[in-house]
Amino acid sequence: LDSTCGISDEELTQRFKESIRIDDEVRRIKGLP
């Protein structure tokens, strides 16, 4: 899977963490828990 997508496990983990951070920020802006 890594060789076909070209994304390392570390980069994928970092992207996942960033997506969660962005989602948390959007929820706070919207007033959601």
All heavy atoms as atom14 arrays in JSON, in Angstrom:
{
  "sequence": "LDSTCGISDEELTQRFKESIRIDDEVRRIKGLP",
  "atom14_mask": [
    [1, 1, 1, 1, 1, 1, 1, 1, 0, 0, 0, 0, 0, 0],
    [1, 1, 1, 1, 1, 1, 1, 1, 0, 0, 0, 0, 0, 0],
    [1, 1, 1, 1, 1, 1, 0, 0, 0, 0, 0, 0, 0, 0],
    [1, 1, 1, 1, 1, 1, 1, 0, 0, 0, 0, 0, 0, 0],
    [1, 1, 1, 1, 1, 1, 0, 0, 0, 0, 0, 0, 0, 0],
    [1, 1, 1, 1, 0, 0, 0, 0, 0, 0, 0, 0, 0, 0],
    [1, 1, 1, 1, 1, 1, 1, 1, 0, 0, 0, 0, 0, 0],
    [1, 1, 1, 1, 1, 1, 0, 0, 0, 0, 0, 0, 0, 0],
    [1, 1, 1, 1, 1, 1, 1, 1, 0, 0, 0, 0, 0, 0],
    [1, 1, 1, 1, 1, 1, 1, 1, 1, 0, 0, 0, 0, 0],
    [1, 1, 1, 1, 1, 1, 1, 1, 1, 0, 0, 0, 0, 0],
    [1, 1, 1, 1, 1, 1, 1, 1, 0, 0, 0, 0, 0, 0],
    [1, 1, 1, 1, 1, 1, 1, 0, 0, 0, 0, 0, 0, 0],
    [1, 1, 1, 1, 1, 1, 1, 1, 1, 0, 0, 0, 0, 0],
    [1, 1, 1, 1, 1, 1, 1, 1, 1, 1, 1, 0, 0, 0],
    [1, 1, 1, 1, 1, 1, 1, 1, 1, 1, 1, 0, 0, 0],
    [1, 1, 1, 1, 1, 1, 1, 1, 1, 0, 0, 0, 0, 0],
    [1, 1, 1, 1, 1, 1, 1, 1, 1, 0, 0, 0, 0, 0],
    [1, 1, 1, 1, 1, 1, 0, 0, 0, 0, 0, 0, 0, 0],
    [1, 1, 1, 1, 1, 1, 1, 1, 0, 0, 0, 0, 0, 0],
    [1, 1, 1, 1, 1, 1, 1, 1, 1, 1, 1, 0, 0, 0],
    [1, 1, 1, 1, 1, 1, 1, 1, 0, 0, 0, 0, 0, 0],
    [1, 1, 1, 1, 1, 1, 1, 1, 0, 0, 0, 0, 0, 0],
    [1, 1, 1, 1, 1, 1, 1, 1, 0, 0, 0, 0, 0, 0],
    [1, 1, 1, 1, 1, 1, 1, 1, 1, 0, 0, 0, 0, 0],
    [1, 1, 1, 1, 1, 1, 1, 0, 0, 0, 0, 0, 0, 0],
    [1, 1, 1, 1, 1, 1, 1, 1, 1, 1, 1, 0, 0, 0],
    [1, 1, 1, 1, 1, 1, 1, 1, 1, 1, 1, 0, 0, 0],
    [1, 1, 1, 1, 1, 1, 1, 1, 0, 0, 0, 0, 0, 0],
    [1, 1, 1, 1, 1, 1, 1, 1, 1, 0, 0, 0, 0, 0],
    [1, 1, 1, 1, 0, 0, 0, 0, 0, 0, 0, 0, 0, 0],
    [1, 1, 1, 1, 1, 1, 1, 1, 0, 0, 0, 0, 0, 0],
    [1, 1, 1, 1, 1, 1, 1, 0, 0, 0, 0, 0, 0, 0]
  ],
  "atom14_positions": [
    [[0.82, -1.19, 0.0], [0.0, 0.0, 0.0], [0.87, 1.26, 0.0], [0.6, 2.21, -0.73], [-0.94, 0.01, 1.21], [-1.93, 1.15, 1.3], [-2.85, 1.16, 0.09], [-2.75, 1.05, 2.57], [0.0, 0.0, 0.0], [0.0, 0.0, 0.0], [0.0, 0.0, 0.0], [0.0, 0.0, 0.0], [0.0, 0.0, 0.0], [0.0, 0.0, 0.0]],
    [[1.94, 1.26, 0.79], [2.83, 2.41, 0.83], [3.48, 2.64, -0.53], [3.62, 3.78, -0.97], [3.92, 2.22, 1.88], [3.38, 2.29, 3.29], [2.32, 2.92, 3.48], [4.01, 1.71, 4.19], [0.0, 0.0, 0.0], [0.0, 0.0, 0.0], [0.0, 0.0, 0.0], [0.0, 0.0, 0.0], [0.0, 0.0, 0.0], [0.0, 0.0, 0.0]],
    [[3.89, 1.57, -1.17], [4.6, 1.74, -2.44], [3.67, 2.22, -3.54], [4.09, 2.89, -4.46], [5.28, 0.43, -2.85], [4.31, -0.58, -3.07], [0.0, 0.0, 0.0], [0.0, 0.0, 0.0], [0.0, 0.0, 0.0], [0.0, 0.0, 0.0], [0.0, 0.0, 0.0], [0.0, 0.0, 0.0], [0.0, 0.0, 0.0], [0.0, 0.0, 0.0]],
    [[2.38, 1.91, -3.46], [1.46, 2.37, -4.49], [0.97, 3.79, -4.23], [0.71, 4.53, -5.16], [0.23, 1.44, -4.62], [-0.43, 1.37, -3.37], [0.65, 0.06, -5.08], [0.0, 0.0, 0.0], [0.0, 0.0, 0.0], [0.0, 0.0, 0.0], [0.0, 0.0, 0.0], [0.0, 0.0, 0.0], [0.0, 0.0, 0.0], [0.0, 0.0, 0.0]],
    [[0.86, 4.2, -2.98], [0.38, 5.55, -2.66], [1.52, 6.54, -2.51], [1.31, 7.74, -2.63], [-0.44, 5.53, -1.38], [-1.98, 4.62, -1.54], [0.0, 0.0, 0.0], [0.0, 0.0, 0.0], [0.0, 0.0, 0.0], [0.0, 0.0, 0.0], [0.0, 0.0, 0.0], [0.0, 0.0, 0.0], [0.0, 0.0, 0.0], [0.0, 0.0, 0.0]],
    [[2.68, 6.07, -2.18], [3.82, 6.95, -2.0], [3.8, 7.73, -0.7], [4.46, 8.75, -0.58], [0.0, 0.0, 0.0], [0.0, 0.0, 0.0], [0.0, 0.0, 0.0], [0.0, 0.0, 0.0], [0.0, 0.0, 0.0], [0.0, 0.0, 0.0], [0.0, 0.0, 0.0], [0.0, 0.0, 0.0], [0.0, 0.0, 0.0], [0.0, 0.0, 0.0]],
    [[3.02, 7.29, 0.27], [2.93, 7.98, 1.55], [3.49, 7.07, 2.64], [3.05, 5.93, 2.79], [1.46, 8.34, 1.87], [0.9, 9.27, 0.81], [1.35, 8.99, 3.24], [-0.57, 9.56, 0.96], [0.0, 0.0, 0.0], [0.0, 0.0, 0.0], [0.0, 0.0, 0.0], [0.0, 0.0, 0.0], [0.0, 0.0, 0.0], [0.0, 0.0, 0.0]],
    [[4.42, 7.6, 3.4], [5.01, 6.81, 4.48], [4.04, 6.76, 5.66], [3.1, 7.56, 5.76], [6.32, 7.44, 4.94], [6.07, 8.67, 5.57], [0.0, 0.0, 0.0], [0.0, 0.0, 0.0], [0.0, 0.0, 0.0], [0.0, 0.0, 0.0], [0.0, 0.0, 0.0], [0.0, 0.0, 0.0], [0.0, 0.0, 0.0], [0.0, 0.0, 0.0]],
    [[4.26, 5.81, 6.55], [3.42, 5.68, 7.74], [3.49, 6.96, 8.58], [2.49, 7.4, 9.13], [3.84, 4.49, 8.58], [3.45, 3.16, 7.96], [2.6, 3.16, 7.04], [3.99, 2.13, 8.4], [0.0, 0.0, 0.0], [0.0, 0.0, 0.0], [0.0, 0.0, 0.0], [0.0, 0.0, 0.0], [0.0, 0.0, 0.0], [0.0, 0.0, 0.0]],
    [[4.68, 7.52, 8.69], [4.86, 8.73, 9.49], [4.07, 9.9, 8.9], [3.41, 10.65, 9.62], [6.34, 9.1, 9.59], [7.17, 8.13, 10.39], [7.61, 6.91, 9.57], [7.54, 6.96, 8.32], [8.01, 5.91, 10.17], [0.0, 0.0, 0.0], [0.0, 0.0, 0.0], [0.0, 0.0, 0.0], [0.0, 0.0, 0.0], [0.0, 0.0, 0.0]],
    [[4.12, 10.06, 7.59], [3.39, 11.15, 6.94], [1.88, 10.94, 7.06], [1.13, 11.88, 7.32], [3.78, 11.27, 5.47], [3.11, 12.45, 4.78], [3.53, 12.6, 3.33], [4.45, 11.9, 2.89], [2.92, 13.44, 2.65], [0.0, 0.0, 0.0], [0.0, 0.0, 0.0], [0.0, 0.0, 0.0], [0.0, 0.0, 0.0], [0.0, 0.0, 0.0]],
    [[1.44, 9.71, 6.91], [0.02, 9.41, 7.04], [-0.46, 9.7, 8.46], [-1.53, 10.28, 8.65], [-0.23, 7.94, 6.69], [-1.67, 7.52, 6.56], [-2.4, 8.32, 5.49], [-1.75, 6.04, 6.23], [0.0, 0.0, 0.0], [0.0, 0.0, 0.0], [0.0, 0.0, 0.0], [0.0, 0.0, 0.0], [0.0, 0.0, 0.0], [0.0, 0.0, 0.0]],
    [[0.33, 9.33, 9.45], [-0.01, 9.61, 10.85], [-0.09, 11.11, 11.08], [-1.03, 11.59, 11.73], [1.02, 8.98, 11.8], [1.04, 7.57, 11.59], [0.71, 9.28, 13.25], [0.0, 0.0, 0.0], [0.0, 0.0, 0.0], [0.0, 0.0, 0.0], [0.0, 0.0, 0.0], [0.0, 0.0, 0.0], [0.0, 0.0, 0.0], [0.0, 0.0, 0.0]],
    [[0.87, 11.86, 10.55], [0.87, 13.31, 10.72], [-0.36, 13.94, 10.06], [-0.98, 14.83, 10.62], [2.16, 13.91, 10.13], [2.36, 15.35, 10.5], [2.48, 15.55, 12.0], [2.99, 14.71, 12.72], [2.01, 16.68, 12.47], [0.0, 0.0, 0.0], [0.0, 0.0, 0.0], [0.0, 0.0, 0.0], [0.0, 0.0, 0.0], [0.0, 0.0, 0.0]],
    [[-0.72, 13.48, 8.88], [-1.9, 13.99, 8.19], [-3.17, 13.69, 8.98], [-4.08, 14.52, 9.05], [-2.02, 13.38, 6.79], [-1.01, 13.92, 5.82], [-1.23, 13.33, 4.45], [-0.24, 13.77, 3.5], [-0.35, 13.59, 2.2], [-1.39, 12.95, 1.69], [0.59, 14.02, 1.38], [0.0, 0.0, 0.0], [0.0, 0.0, 0.0], [0.0, 0.0, 0.0]],
    [[-3.25, 12.5, 9.57], [-4.41, 12.13, 10.38], [-4.53, 13.04, 11.59], [-5.61, 13.56, 11.89], [-4.3, 10.66, 10.81], [-5.4, 10.23, 11.71], [-6.67, 9.96, 11.21], [-5.19, 10.08, 13.07], [-7.7, 9.57, 12.04], [-6.2, 9.69, 13.91], [-7.46, 9.44, 13.39], [0.0, 0.0, 0.0], [0.0, 0.0, 0.0], [0.0, 0.0, 0.0]],
    [[-3.43, 13.25, 12.3], [-3.44, 14.12, 13.48], [-3.87, 15.54, 13.11], [-4.63, 16.17, 13.84], [-2.06, 14.15, 14.15], [-1.72, 12.87, 14.87], [-0.34, 12.96, 15.48], [0.04, 11.7, 16.21], [1.39, 11.79, 16.8], [0.0, 0.0, 0.0], [0.0, 0.0, 0.0], [0.0, 0.0, 0.0], [0.0, 0.0, 0.0], [0.0, 0.0, 0.0]],
    [[-3.38, 16.04, 11.99], [-3.74, 17.38, 11.54], [-5.23, 17.45, 11.18], [-5.89, 18.45, 11.48], [-2.89, 17.79, 10.35], [-3.12, 19.19, 9.87], [-2.74, 20.28, 10.85], [-2.09, 19.99, 11.88], [-3.09, 21.45, 10.59], [0.0, 0.0, 0.0], [0.0, 0.0, 0.0], [0.0, 0.0, 0.0], [0.0, 0.0, 0.0], [0.0, 0.0, 0.0]],
    [[-5.77, 16.41, 10.57], [-7.19, 16.42, 10.22], [-8.06, 16.44, 11.48], [-9.1, 17.11, 11.51], [-7.54, 15.23, 9.34], [-7.51, 14.03, 10.06], [0.0, 0.0, 0.0], [0.0, 0.0, 0.0], [0.0, 0.0, 0.0], [0.0, 0.0, 0.0], [0.0, 0.0, 0.0], [0.0, 0.0, 0.0], [0.0, 0.0, 0.0], [0.0, 0.0, 0.0]],
    [[-7.64, 15.74, 12.52], [-8.38, 15.75, 13.78], [-8.3, 17.13, 14.42], [-9.3, 17.65, 14.92], [-7.83, 14.68, 14.75], [-8.03, 13.28, 14.17], [-8.47, 14.8, 16.13], [-9.47, 12.9, 13.91], [0.0, 0.0, 0.0], [0.0, 0.0, 0.0], [0.0, 0.0, 0.0], [0.0, 0.0, 0.0], [0.0, 0.0, 0.0], [0.0, 0.0, 0.0]],
    [[-7.14, 17.76, 14.39], [-6.99, 19.11, 14.95], [-7.9, 20.1, 14.23], [-8.59, 20.9, 14.87], [-5.53, 19.58, 14.84], [-5.28, 20.91, 15.55], [-3.95, 21.53, 15.17], [-3.88, 21.92, 13.78], [-4.5, 23.0, 13.25], [-5.23, 23.78, 14.0], [-4.36, 23.28, 11.97], [0.0, 0.0, 0.0], [0.0, 0.0, 0.0], [0.0, 0.0, 0.0]],
    [[-7.95, 20.02, 12.92], [-8.8, 20.92, 12.14], [-10.27, 20.66, 12.46], [-11.05, 21.6, 12.64], [-8.52, 20.76, 10.63], [-7.14, 21.3, 10.31], [-9.59, 21.46, 9.8], [-6.64, 20.97, 8.92], [0.0, 0.0, 0.0], [0.0, 0.0, 0.0], [0.0, 0.0, 0.0], [0.0, 0.0, 0.0], [0.0, 0.0, 0.0], [0.0, 0.0, 0.0]],
    [[-10.66, 19.39, 12.55], [-12.05, 19.06, 12.88], [-12.42, 19.6, 14.26], [-13.51, 20.14, 14.44], [-12.26, 17.55, 12.82], [-13.7, 17.16, 13.06], [-14.57, 17.63, 12.3], [-13.96, 16.4, 14.02], [0.0, 0.0, 0.0], [0.0, 0.0, 0.0], [0.0, 0.0, 0.0], [0.0, 0.0, 0.0], [0.0, 0.0, 0.0], [0.0, 0.0, 0.0]],
    [[-11.53, 19.46, 15.24], [-11.79, 19.99, 16.59], [-11.98, 21.51, 16.54], [-12.86, 22.06, 17.19], [-10.64, 19.65, 17.54], [-10.62, 18.19, 17.94], [-11.56, 17.44, 17.58], [-9.64, 17.78, 18.6], [0.0, 0.0, 0.0], [0.0, 0.0, 0.0], [0.0, 0.0, 0.0], [0.0, 0.0, 0.0], [0.0, 0.0, 0.0], [0.0, 0.0, 0.0]],
    [[-11.15, 22.19, 15.77], [-11.24, 23.64, 15.65], [-12.56, 24.06, 15.01], [-13.22, 25.0, 15.49], [-10.06, 24.16, 14.82], [-9.93, 25.65, 14.82], [-8.67, 26.11, 14.12], [-7.61, 25.47, 14.3], [-8.75, 27.11, 13.39], [0.0, 0.0, 0.0], [0.0, 0.0, 0.0], [0.0, 0.0, 0.0], [0.0, 0.0, 0.0], [0.0, 0.0, 0.0]],
    [[-12.98, 23.36, 13.97], [-14.26, 23.66, 13.31], [-15.42, 23.45, 14.29], [-16.34, 24.27, 14.36], [-14.44, 22.8, 12.04], [-15.85, 22.89, 11.5], [-13.44, 23.23, 10.97], [0.0, 0.0, 0.0], [0.0, 0.0, 0.0], [0.0, 0.0, 0.0], [0.0, 0.0, 0.0], [0.0, 0.0, 0.0], [0.0, 0.0, 0.0], [0.0, 0.0, 0.0]],
    [[-15.36, 22.37, 15.06], [-16.44, 22.1, 16.02], [-16.51, 23.18, 17.08], [-17.6, 23.58, 17.49], [-16.24, 20.72, 16.65], [-16.43, 19.58, 15.65], [-16.27, 18.21, 16.29], [-17.3, 17.93, 17.26], [-18.54, 17.53, 16.93], [-18.87, 17.37, 15.68], [-19.43, 17.28, 17.87], [0.0, 0.0, 0.0], [0.0, 0.0, 0.0], [0.0, 0.0, 0.0]],
    [[-15.37, 23.67, 17.54], [-15.37, 24.75, 18.54], [-15.98, 26.03, 17.96], [-16.74, 26.72, 18.63], [-13.96, 25.01, 19.04], [-13.48, 23.96, 20.01], [-12.19, 24.36, 20.71], [-11.73, 23.26, 21.54], [-10.77, 22.42, 21.21], [-10.12, 22.56, 20.08], [-10.42, 21.44, 22.01], [0.0, 0.0, 0.0], [0.0, 0.0, 0.0], [0.0, 0.0, 0.0]],
    [[-15.61, 26.35, 16.72], [-16.15, 27.54, 16.07], [-17.67, 27.44, 15.94], [-18.39, 28.42, 16.13], [-15.49, 27.75, 14.69], [-14.03, 28.15, 14.87], [-16.25, 28.78, 13.86], [-13.21, 28.11, 13.59], [0.0, 0.0, 0.0], [0.0, 0.0, 0.0], [0.0, 0.0, 0.0], [0.0, 0.0, 0.0], [0.0, 0.0, 0.0], [0.0, 0.0, 0.0]],
    [[-18.16, 26.25, 15.65], [-19.6, 26.03, 15.5], [-20.31, 25.91, 16.85], [-21.53, 25.82, 16.89], [-19.87, 24.77, 14.69], [-19.5, 24.91, 13.23], [-19.82, 23.64, 12.47], [-19.54, 23.79, 11.0], [-19.89, 22.57, 10.25], [0.0, 0.0, 0.0], [0.0, 0.0, 0.0], [0.0, 0.0, 0.0], [0.0, 0.0, 0.0], [0.0, 0.0, 0.0]],
    [[-19.56, 25.88, 17.94], [-20.16, 25.77, 19.26], [-20.51, 24.35, 19.66], [-21.32, 24.14, 20.56], [0.0, 0.0, 0.0], [0.0, 0.0, 0.0], [0.0, 0.0, 0.0], [0.0, 0.0, 0.0], [0.0, 0.0, 0.0], [0.0, 0.0, 0.0], [0.0, 0.0, 0.0], [0.0, 0.0, 0.0], [0.0, 0.0, 0.0], [0.0, 0.0, 0.0]],
    [[-19.93, 23.37, 19.0], [-20.21, 21.96, 19.28], [-19.15, 21.38, 20.22], [-18.0, 21.81, 20.21], [-20.22, 21.17, 17.97], [-21.25, 21.61, 16.93], [-21.01, 20.89, 15.62], [-22.64, 21.36, 17.44], [0.0, 0.0, 0.0], [0.0, 0.0, 0.0], [0.0, 0.0, 0.0], [0.0, 0.0, 0.0], [0.0, 0.0, 0.0], [0.0, 0.0, 0.0]],
    [[-19.52, 20.39, 21.02], [-18.54, 19.78, 21.92], [-17.57, 18.87, 21.17], [-17.86, 18.4, 20.07], [-19.41, 18.96, 22.87], [-20.62, 18.64, 22.09], [-20.86, 19.81, 21.19], [0.0, 0.0, 0.0], [0.0, 0.0, 0.0], [0.0, 0.0, 0.0], [0.0, 0.0, 0.0], [0.0, 0.0, 0.0], [0.0, 0.0, 0.0], [0.0, 0.0, 0.0]]
  ]
}
